[in-house]
């Protein structure tokens, strides 16, 4: 935005300080003039000889008052300039840090010393903002790099399959089409997951009253065939748990949790339990599943994008893209809730989601 040049804050403060000092001096002189000279007899002709009179006092007091006013003005300008510079020094450091951040360097910090006041509180807030921005930018850059890598993989596989088919016309066409369909489905699933993650991160959704128990039942009903195919027992327990938010995103949240619990379970004979209810005014969804033991240091990283809890690669129709728990974390955060992940001692994972309840 283009603006016309004007006086700096330091200059304005200097002029304000000097003007205030000059006005105060003028008022003081006016008080002396009005209340002191009024009691001195007027004798402009000097008939009383050398006795004090108003004429003599005016002649002697006038030049002294002018010198005093000039001194006050100069003193006000110099002192105001120095004081304004000292008072605005923290603001200058904040401005320099803002310009540095605007040029793309988010690692700079002000770290202003001294006791807390308005400027230091502003500097601390600015440092905290820069730290969050640096963290978010690094996370977005890492996410973009991972997303491009994940999207490149199915495209490269498709290109390789097409090259093989072109060089070998006798290759089984049905097998080729099936593999292309699987790779294309993975790319579509990844794209849809990225869109959901972006939408929840922006908070671009309307809010309505949602019963999480009904959401859990719908998610379990959708994934029941997958659980039966893998020999997993899927149970939904608990009661009503009302929350305010997007029914679509909350359904995606619970569906991702249940699917993650089914896929990362025991090879056969495992269990998945979905429990809903209220606790301390919050609506709670807890998904607990059996499975292989998880190292405690791995659990906090499961909500990072493209991080998978196991190293195995799944090739079925529910092959993961590494965004399931990342989407859950994003949706929970967008709904002002909390997400807790804890490994089970016997193996598996317990995921607890707490959302603000609706009275």
Protein backbone atom coordinates (compact mmCIF):
# COMPACT_ATOMS: atom_id res chain seq x y z
CA UNK A 1 0.00 0.00 0.00
CA UNK A 2 1.44 3.36 -1.07
CA UNK A 3 1.49 6.11 1.54
CA UNK A 4 2.74 9.67 1.48
CA UNK A 5 5.86 10.29 3.62
CA UNK A 6 5.21 11.83 7.02
CA UNK A 7 6.95 12.60 10.27
CA UNK A 8 8.44 9.70 12.14
CA UNK A 9 7.10 8.64 15.52
CA UNK A 10 10.32 9.84 17.16
CA UNK A 11 9.95 13.29 15.62
CA UNK A 12 6.31 13.52 16.64
CA UNK A 13 7.13 12.47 20.19
CA UNK A 14 9.98 15.02 20.30
CA UNK A 15 7.75 17.84 19.09
CA UNK A 16 5.01 16.79 21.49
CA UNK A 17 7.41 16.73 24.44
CA UNK A 18 8.98 20.08 23.49
CA UNK A 19 5.56 21.64 22.86
CA UNK A 20 4.26 20.42 26.20
CA UNK A 21 7.36 21.78 27.96
CA UNK A 22 7.03 25.15 26.18
CA UNK A 23 3.34 25.43 27.05
CA UNK A 24 4.08 24.54 30.65
CA UNK A 25 6.82 27.21 30.75
CA UNK A 26 4.53 29.80 29.17
CA UNK A 27 1.79 29.04 31.71
CA UNK A 28 4.30 29.35 34.52
CA UNK A 29 5.49 32.72 33.21
CA UNK A 30 1.90 33.84 32.78
CA UNK A 31 1.19 32.92 36.38
CA UNK A 32 4.21 34.93 37.51
CA UNK A 33 3.17 37.82 35.29
CA UNK A 34 -0.42 37.83 36.42
CA UNK A 35 -0.04 37.23 40.13
CA UNK A 36 3.27 38.92 40.87
CA UNK A 37 3.27 42.05 38.76
CA UNK A 38 -0.34 42.93 39.62
CA UNK A 39 0.76 43.77 43.15
CA UNK A 40 3.63 46.03 42.05
CA UNK A 41 2.69 49.72 41.57
CA UNK A 42 2.85 51.07 38.05
CA UNK A 43 5.29 53.97 37.59
CA UNK A 44 6.40 54.12 34.00
CA UNK A 45 7.70 57.68 34.50
CA UNK A 46 10.04 56.68 37.31
CA UNK A 47 8.76 59.38 39.69
CA UNK A 48 9.57 57.26 42.70
CA UNK A 49 13.24 57.04 41.93
CA UNK A 50 14.81 53.60 42.17
CA UNK A 51 11.98 51.96 44.14
CA UNK A 52 10.68 48.70 42.54
CA UNK A 53 7.81 49.28 40.16
CA UNK A 54 6.02 47.44 37.37
CA UNK A 55 7.85 49.28 34.63
CA UNK A 56 11.26 48.23 35.85
CA UNK A 57 10.22 44.67 36.52
CA UNK A 58 8.76 44.34 33.01
CA UNK A 59 11.95 45.74 31.51
CA UNK A 60 14.11 43.27 33.41
CA UNK A 61 11.74 40.28 33.50
CA UNK A 62 10.84 40.31 29.80
CA UNK A 63 14.32 39.44 28.37
CA UNK A 64 14.89 36.86 31.10
CA UNK A 65 11.54 35.24 30.32
CA UNK A 66 12.37 35.11 26.62
CA UNK A 67 15.72 33.45 27.36
CA UNK A 68 14.00 30.97 29.67
CA UNK A 69 11.44 30.12 27.02
CA UNK A 70 14.17 29.62 24.41
CA UNK A 71 16.08 27.39 26.81
CA UNK A 72 12.96 25.36 27.57
CA UNK A 73 12.27 24.92 23.87
CA UNK A 74 15.83 23.78 23.07
CA UNK A 75 15.91 21.57 26.16
CA UNK A 76 12.55 20.07 25.22
CA UNK A 77 13.69 19.30 21.67
CA UNK A 78 17.00 17.73 22.68
CA UNK A 79 15.62 15.91 25.70
CA UNK A 80 12.52 14.79 23.81
CA UNK A 81 14.64 13.44 20.95
CA UNK A 82 16.83 11.44 23.33
CA UNK A 83 13.91 10.17 25.42
CA UNK A 84 11.87 9.24 22.34
CA UNK A 85 14.82 7.36 20.91
CA UNK A 86 15.29 5.44 24.13
CA UNK A 87 11.59 4.64 24.47
CA UNK A 88 11.22 3.59 20.82
CA UNK A 89 14.38 1.45 20.69
CA UNK A 90 12.41 -1.77 21.42
CA UNK A 91 9.95 -0.88 18.67
CA UNK A 92 12.85 -0.42 16.26
CA UNK A 93 14.09 -3.93 17.09
CA UNK A 94 10.60 -5.33 16.54
CA UNK A 95 10.35 -3.54 13.18
CA UNK A 96 13.73 -4.92 12.12
CA UNK A 97 12.63 -8.42 13.09
CA UNK A 98 9.38 -8.00 11.14
CA UNK A 99 11.30 -6.91 8.03
CA UNK A 100 13.62 -9.90 8.42
CA UNK A 101 10.65 -12.24 8.70
CA UNK A 102 9.01 -10.58 5.71
CA UNK A 103 12.08 -11.36 3.61
CA UNK A 104 11.61 -15.06 4.32
CA UNK A 105 13.88 -15.63 7.34
CA UNK A 106 11.71 -16.98 10.17
CA UNK A 107 14.60 -18.14 12.38
CA UNK A 108 15.34 -14.63 13.69
CA UNK A 109 14.19 -13.87 17.27
CA UNK A 110 14.09 -10.57 19.15
CA UNK A 111 14.71 -12.00 22.65
CA UNK A 112 14.33 -8.63 24.35
CA UNK A 113 15.83 -8.37 27.82
CA UNK A 114 14.52 -6.51 30.84
CA UNK A 115 11.36 -6.50 32.88
CA UNK A 116 8.00 -6.98 31.27
CA UNK A 117 6.26 -3.94 29.84
CA UNK A 118 4.15 -3.24 26.75
CA UNK A 119 7.08 -3.38 24.31
CA UNK A 120 8.61 -6.52 25.81
CA UNK A 121 5.24 -8.21 25.86
CA UNK A 122 4.84 -7.34 22.18
CA UNK A 123 8.33 -8.68 21.46
CA UNK A 124 7.62 -11.95 23.27
CA UNK A 125 4.34 -12.34 21.38
CA UNK A 126 6.13 -11.67 18.11
CA UNK A 127 8.80 -14.27 18.95
CA UNK A 128 6.10 -16.83 19.75
CA UNK A 129 4.36 -16.04 16.45
CA UNK A 130 7.61 -16.46 14.52
CA UNK A 131 8.24 -19.79 16.24
CA UNK A 132 4.79 -21.05 15.29
CA UNK A 133 5.14 -19.78 11.73
CA UNK A 134 8.53 -21.44 11.36
CA UNK A 135 7.12 -24.69 12.68
CA UNK A 136 4.07 -24.53 10.38
CA UNK A 137 6.15 -23.63 7.33
CA UNK A 138 8.57 -26.49 8.02
CA UNK A 139 5.62 -28.85 8.48
CA UNK A 140 4.00 -27.68 5.24
CA UNK A 141 7.27 -28.05 3.34
CA UNK A 142 7.76 -31.54 4.72
CA UNK A 143 4.15 -32.37 3.92
CA UNK A 144 4.47 -31.06 0.35
CA UNK A 145 7.66 -33.06 -0.20
CA UNK A 146 6.05 -36.23 1.16
CA UNK A 147 2.86 -35.65 -0.83
CA UNK A 148 4.77 -35.16 -4.08
CA UNK A 149 6.75 -38.32 -3.37
CA UNK A 150 3.62 -40.33 -2.58
CA UNK A 151 1.84 -39.07 -5.69
CA UNK A 152 4.88 -39.71 -7.86
CA UNK A 153 4.95 -43.39 -6.89
CA UNK A 154 1.59 -44.48 -8.42
CA UNK A 155 2.23 -42.35 -11.49
CA UNK A 156 5.62 -43.96 -11.98
CA UNK A 157 4.12 -47.43 -11.53
CA UNK A 158 1.41 -46.66 -14.09
CA UNK A 159 4.04 -45.41 -16.54
CA UNK A 160 6.10 -48.56 -16.03
CA UNK A 161 3.09 -50.84 -16.58
CA UNK A 162 2.17 -49.02 -19.78
CA UNK A 163 5.76 -49.24 -21.05
CA UNK A 164 5.82 -52.98 -20.35
CA UNK A 165 2.50 -53.46 -22.16
CA UNK A 166 3.75 -51.52 -25.16
CA UNK A 167 6.95 -53.57 -25.41
CA UNK A 168 5.17 -56.89 -24.81
CA UNK A 169 1.82 -56.98 -26.68
CA UNK A 170 1.30 -60.62 -25.63
CA UNK A 171 1.15 -59.75 -21.93
CA UNK A 172 -2.09 -60.62 -20.11
CA UNK A 173 -4.30 -57.57 -20.65
CA UNK A 174 -6.66 -58.36 -17.74
CA UNK A 175 -3.78 -58.51 -15.27
CA UNK A 176 -2.45 -55.20 -16.59
CA UNK A 177 -5.85 -53.51 -16.28
CA UNK A 178 -6.31 -54.82 -12.74
CA UNK A 179 -2.92 -53.52 -11.62
CA UNK A 180 -3.58 -50.17 -13.30
CA UNK A 181 -6.95 -49.98 -11.55
CA UNK A 182 -5.34 -50.66 -8.16
CA UNK A 183 -2.63 -48.04 -8.73
CA UNK A 184 -5.19 -45.51 -9.95
CA UNK A 185 -7.42 -46.19 -6.92
CA UNK A 186 -4.46 -45.54 -4.64
CA UNK A 187 -3.73 -42.23 -6.37
CA UNK A 188 -7.39 -41.18 -6.09
CA UNK A 189 -7.50 -42.17 -2.42
CA UNK A 190 -4.37 -40.16 -1.70
CA UNK A 191 -5.76 -37.11 -3.52
CA UNK A 192 -9.05 -37.30 -1.63
CA UNK A 193 -7.18 -37.68 1.67
CA UNK A 194 -5.08 -34.61 0.87
CA UNK A 195 -8.23 -32.60 0.11
CA UNK A 196 -9.87 -33.68 3.38
CA UNK A 197 -6.71 -32.83 5.31
CA UNK A 198 -6.51 -29.41 3.68
CA UNK A 199 -10.18 -28.70 4.38
CA UNK A 200 -9.92 -29.62 8.04
CA UNK A 201 -6.70 -27.62 8.46
CA UNK A 202 -8.45 -24.51 7.11
CA UNK A 203 -11.51 -25.07 9.28
CA UNK A 204 -13.71 -24.49 6.21
CA UNK A 205 -16.86 -26.29 7.35
CA UNK A 206 -20.21 -25.59 8.93
CA UNK A 207 -21.16 -26.81 12.38
CA UNK A 208 -24.18 -28.81 13.44
CA UNK A 209 -25.24 -31.02 16.32
CA UNK A 210 -23.75 -34.50 15.75
CA UNK A 211 -24.28 -37.64 17.84
CA UNK A 212 -20.95 -39.46 17.82
CA UNK A 213 -22.61 -42.75 18.78
CA UNK A 214 -24.57 -42.72 15.50
CA UNK A 215 -21.40 -41.79 13.63
CA UNK A 216 -19.57 -44.72 15.23
CA UNK A 217 -22.35 -47.14 14.27
CA UNK A 218 -22.31 -45.91 10.66
CA UNK A 219 -18.53 -46.25 10.44
CA UNK A 220 -18.64 -49.74 11.96
CA UNK A 221 -21.39 -50.82 9.58
CA UNK A 222 -19.37 -49.59 6.61
CA UNK A 223 -16.20 -51.43 7.69
CA UNK A 224 -17.87 -54.59 9.01
CA UNK A 225 -17.27 -56.54 5.75
CA UNK A 226 -13.56 -55.67 5.93
CA UNK A 227 -13.42 -56.80 9.56
CA UNK A 228 -15.19 -60.07 8.79
CA UNK A 229 -12.90 -60.68 5.84
CA UNK A 230 -9.90 -60.39 8.16
CA UNK A 231 -11.48 -62.35 11.00
CA UNK A 232 -11.70 -59.28 13.25
CA UNK A 233 -14.48 -58.87 15.82
CA UNK A 234 -15.89 -55.32 15.65
CA UNK A 235 -18.04 -54.05 18.54
CA UNK A 236 -19.65 -50.65 19.21
CA UNK A 237 -20.57 -49.87 22.81
CA UNK A 238 -21.49 -46.87 24.95
CA UNK A 239 -24.15 -44.21 24.71
CA UNK A 240 -24.92 -40.88 23.09
CA UNK A 241 -22.14 -38.33 22.77
CA UNK A 242 -23.19 -35.05 21.18
CA UNK A 243 -20.69 -32.66 19.69
CA UNK A 244 -20.83 -29.58 17.46
CA UNK A 245 -19.06 -29.86 14.16
CA UNK A 246 -19.08 -31.21 10.62
CA UNK A 247 -20.90 -34.53 10.38
CA UNK A 248 -18.89 -35.41 7.26
CA UNK A 249 -15.51 -34.74 8.87
CA UNK A 250 -16.48 -36.46 12.12
CA UNK A 251 -17.62 -39.50 10.15
CA UNK A 252 -14.27 -39.49 8.34
CA UNK A 253 -12.52 -39.21 11.72
CA UNK A 254 -14.25 -42.27 13.21
CA UNK A 255 -14.01 -44.22 9.95
CA UNK A 256 -10.26 -43.64 9.77
CA UNK A 257 -9.84 -44.76 13.38
CA UNK A 258 -11.86 -47.94 12.87
CA UNK A 259 -10.19 -48.76 9.54
CA UNK A 260 -6.76 -48.18 11.07
CA UNK A 261 -7.70 -50.46 13.98
CA UNK A 262 -8.91 -53.21 11.64
CA UNK A 263 -6.01 -53.08 9.19
CA UNK A 264 -3.27 -52.87 11.85
CA UNK A 265 -4.67 -55.76 13.88
CA UNK A 266 -3.72 -59.37 14.38
CA UNK A 267 -3.67 -61.61 11.27
CA UNK A 268 -6.80 -63.31 12.58
CA UNK A 269 -8.90 -63.42 15.73
CA UNK A 270 -8.30 -59.80 16.71
CA UNK A 271 -10.81 -57.38 18.19
CA UNK A 272 -11.78 -53.74 17.69
CA UNK A 273 -13.93 -51.95 20.25
CA UNK A 274 -15.48 -48.54 19.62
CA UNK A 275 -16.88 -46.86 22.72
CA UNK A 276 -18.73 -43.54 22.86
CA UNK A 277 -19.88 -41.52 25.85
CA UNK A 278 -19.43 -38.34 27.85
CA UNK A 279 -16.89 -37.51 30.52
CA UNK A 280 -16.44 -34.22 32.40
CA UNK A 281 -18.63 -32.37 29.92
CA UNK A 282 -16.72 -33.68 26.89
CA UNK A 283 -17.90 -36.13 24.24
CA UNK A 284 -15.52 -39.07 24.00
CA UNK A 285 -14.82 -41.64 21.28
CA UNK A 286 -12.40 -44.44 22.22
CA UNK A 287 -11.19 -46.98 19.67
CA UNK A 288 -9.20 -49.91 21.06
CA UNK A 289 -7.70 -52.68 19.00
CA UNK A 290 -5.47 -55.68 19.42
CA UNK A 291 -2.35 -56.04 17.33
CA UNK A 292 1.42 -56.22 17.42
CA UNK A 293 3.22 -54.34 20.23
CA UNK A 294 4.15 -50.76 19.39
CA UNK A 295 7.33 -49.10 20.67
CA UNK A 296 6.41 -46.19 22.99
CA UNK A 297 8.62 -43.79 21.02
CA UNK A 298 6.76 -44.63 17.80
CA UNK A 299 3.25 -43.81 19.06
CA UNK A 300 3.64 -39.96 19.20
CA UNK A 301 4.76 -39.94 15.54
CA UNK A 302 1.74 -41.83 14.19
CA UNK A 303 -0.22 -38.61 13.61
CA UNK A 304 2.45 -37.23 11.28
CA UNK A 305 1.51 -37.28 7.60
CA UNK A 306 2.68 -40.34 5.64
CA UNK A 307 3.84 -42.09 8.80
CA UNK A 308 2.78 -45.74 9.04
CA UNK A 309 2.77 -47.80 12.19
CA UNK A 310 4.11 -50.91 10.47
CA UNK A 311 6.58 -51.44 7.70
CA UNK A 312 4.45 -53.88 5.73
CA UNK A 313 3.02 -52.69 2.43
CA UNK A 314 -0.60 -53.55 1.81
CA UNK A 315 -1.73 -54.17 -1.71
CA UNK A 316 -5.45 -54.71 -1.13
CA UNK A 317 -8.22 -52.22 -1.76
CA UNK A 318 -7.69 -50.68 1.66
CA UNK A 319 -4.00 -49.95 1.17
CA UNK A 320 -3.15 -46.98 3.30
CA UNK A 321 -1.57 -43.75 2.18
CA UNK A 322 -0.19 -42.76 5.58
CA UNK A 323 -2.73 -40.00 6.19
CA UNK A 324 -5.34 -41.78 8.32
CA UNK A 325 -4.26 -40.59 11.77
CA UNK A 326 -2.97 -37.31 10.34
CA UNK A 327 -6.51 -36.56 9.14
CA UNK A 328 -7.88 -37.63 12.53
CA UNK A 329 -5.49 -35.26 14.29
CA UNK A 330 -6.38 -32.40 11.94
CA UNK A 331 -10.14 -32.93 12.34
CA UNK A 332 -9.84 -33.12 16.13
CA UNK A 333 -7.80 -29.93 16.20
CA UNK A 334 -10.29 -28.14 13.93
CA UNK A 335 -13.07 -29.10 16.37
CA UNK A 336 -11.13 -27.80 19.39
CA UNK A 337 -10.69 -31.30 20.78
CA UNK A 338 -7.84 -33.46 22.02
CA UNK A 339 -6.36 -36.70 20.68
CA UNK A 340 -4.59 -39.25 22.85
CA UNK A 341 -2.76 -42.35 21.60
CA UNK A 342 -1.56 -45.03 24.02
CA UNK A 343 -0.07 -48.47 23.27
CA UNK A 344 -1.76 -51.47 24.89
CA UNK A 345 0.54 -53.59 27.09
CA UNK A 346 -0.58 -56.74 25.25
CA UNK A 347 -0.17 -55.13 21.84
CA UNK A 348 -2.31 -52.81 19.77
CA UNK A 349 -3.39 -49.24 20.32
CA UNK A 350 -5.96 -47.22 22.24
CA UNK A 351 -7.03 -43.95 20.60
CA UNK A 352 -9.16 -41.51 22.63
CA UNK A 353 -10.81 -38.46 21.07
CA UNK A 354 -12.36 -35.79 23.30
CA UNK A 355 -14.52 -33.09 21.74
CA UNK A 356 -16.39 -30.24 23.46
CA UNK A 357 -19.82 -31.56 24.35
CA UNK A 358 -23.18 -30.03 23.51
CA UNK A 359 -25.52 -29.50 26.49
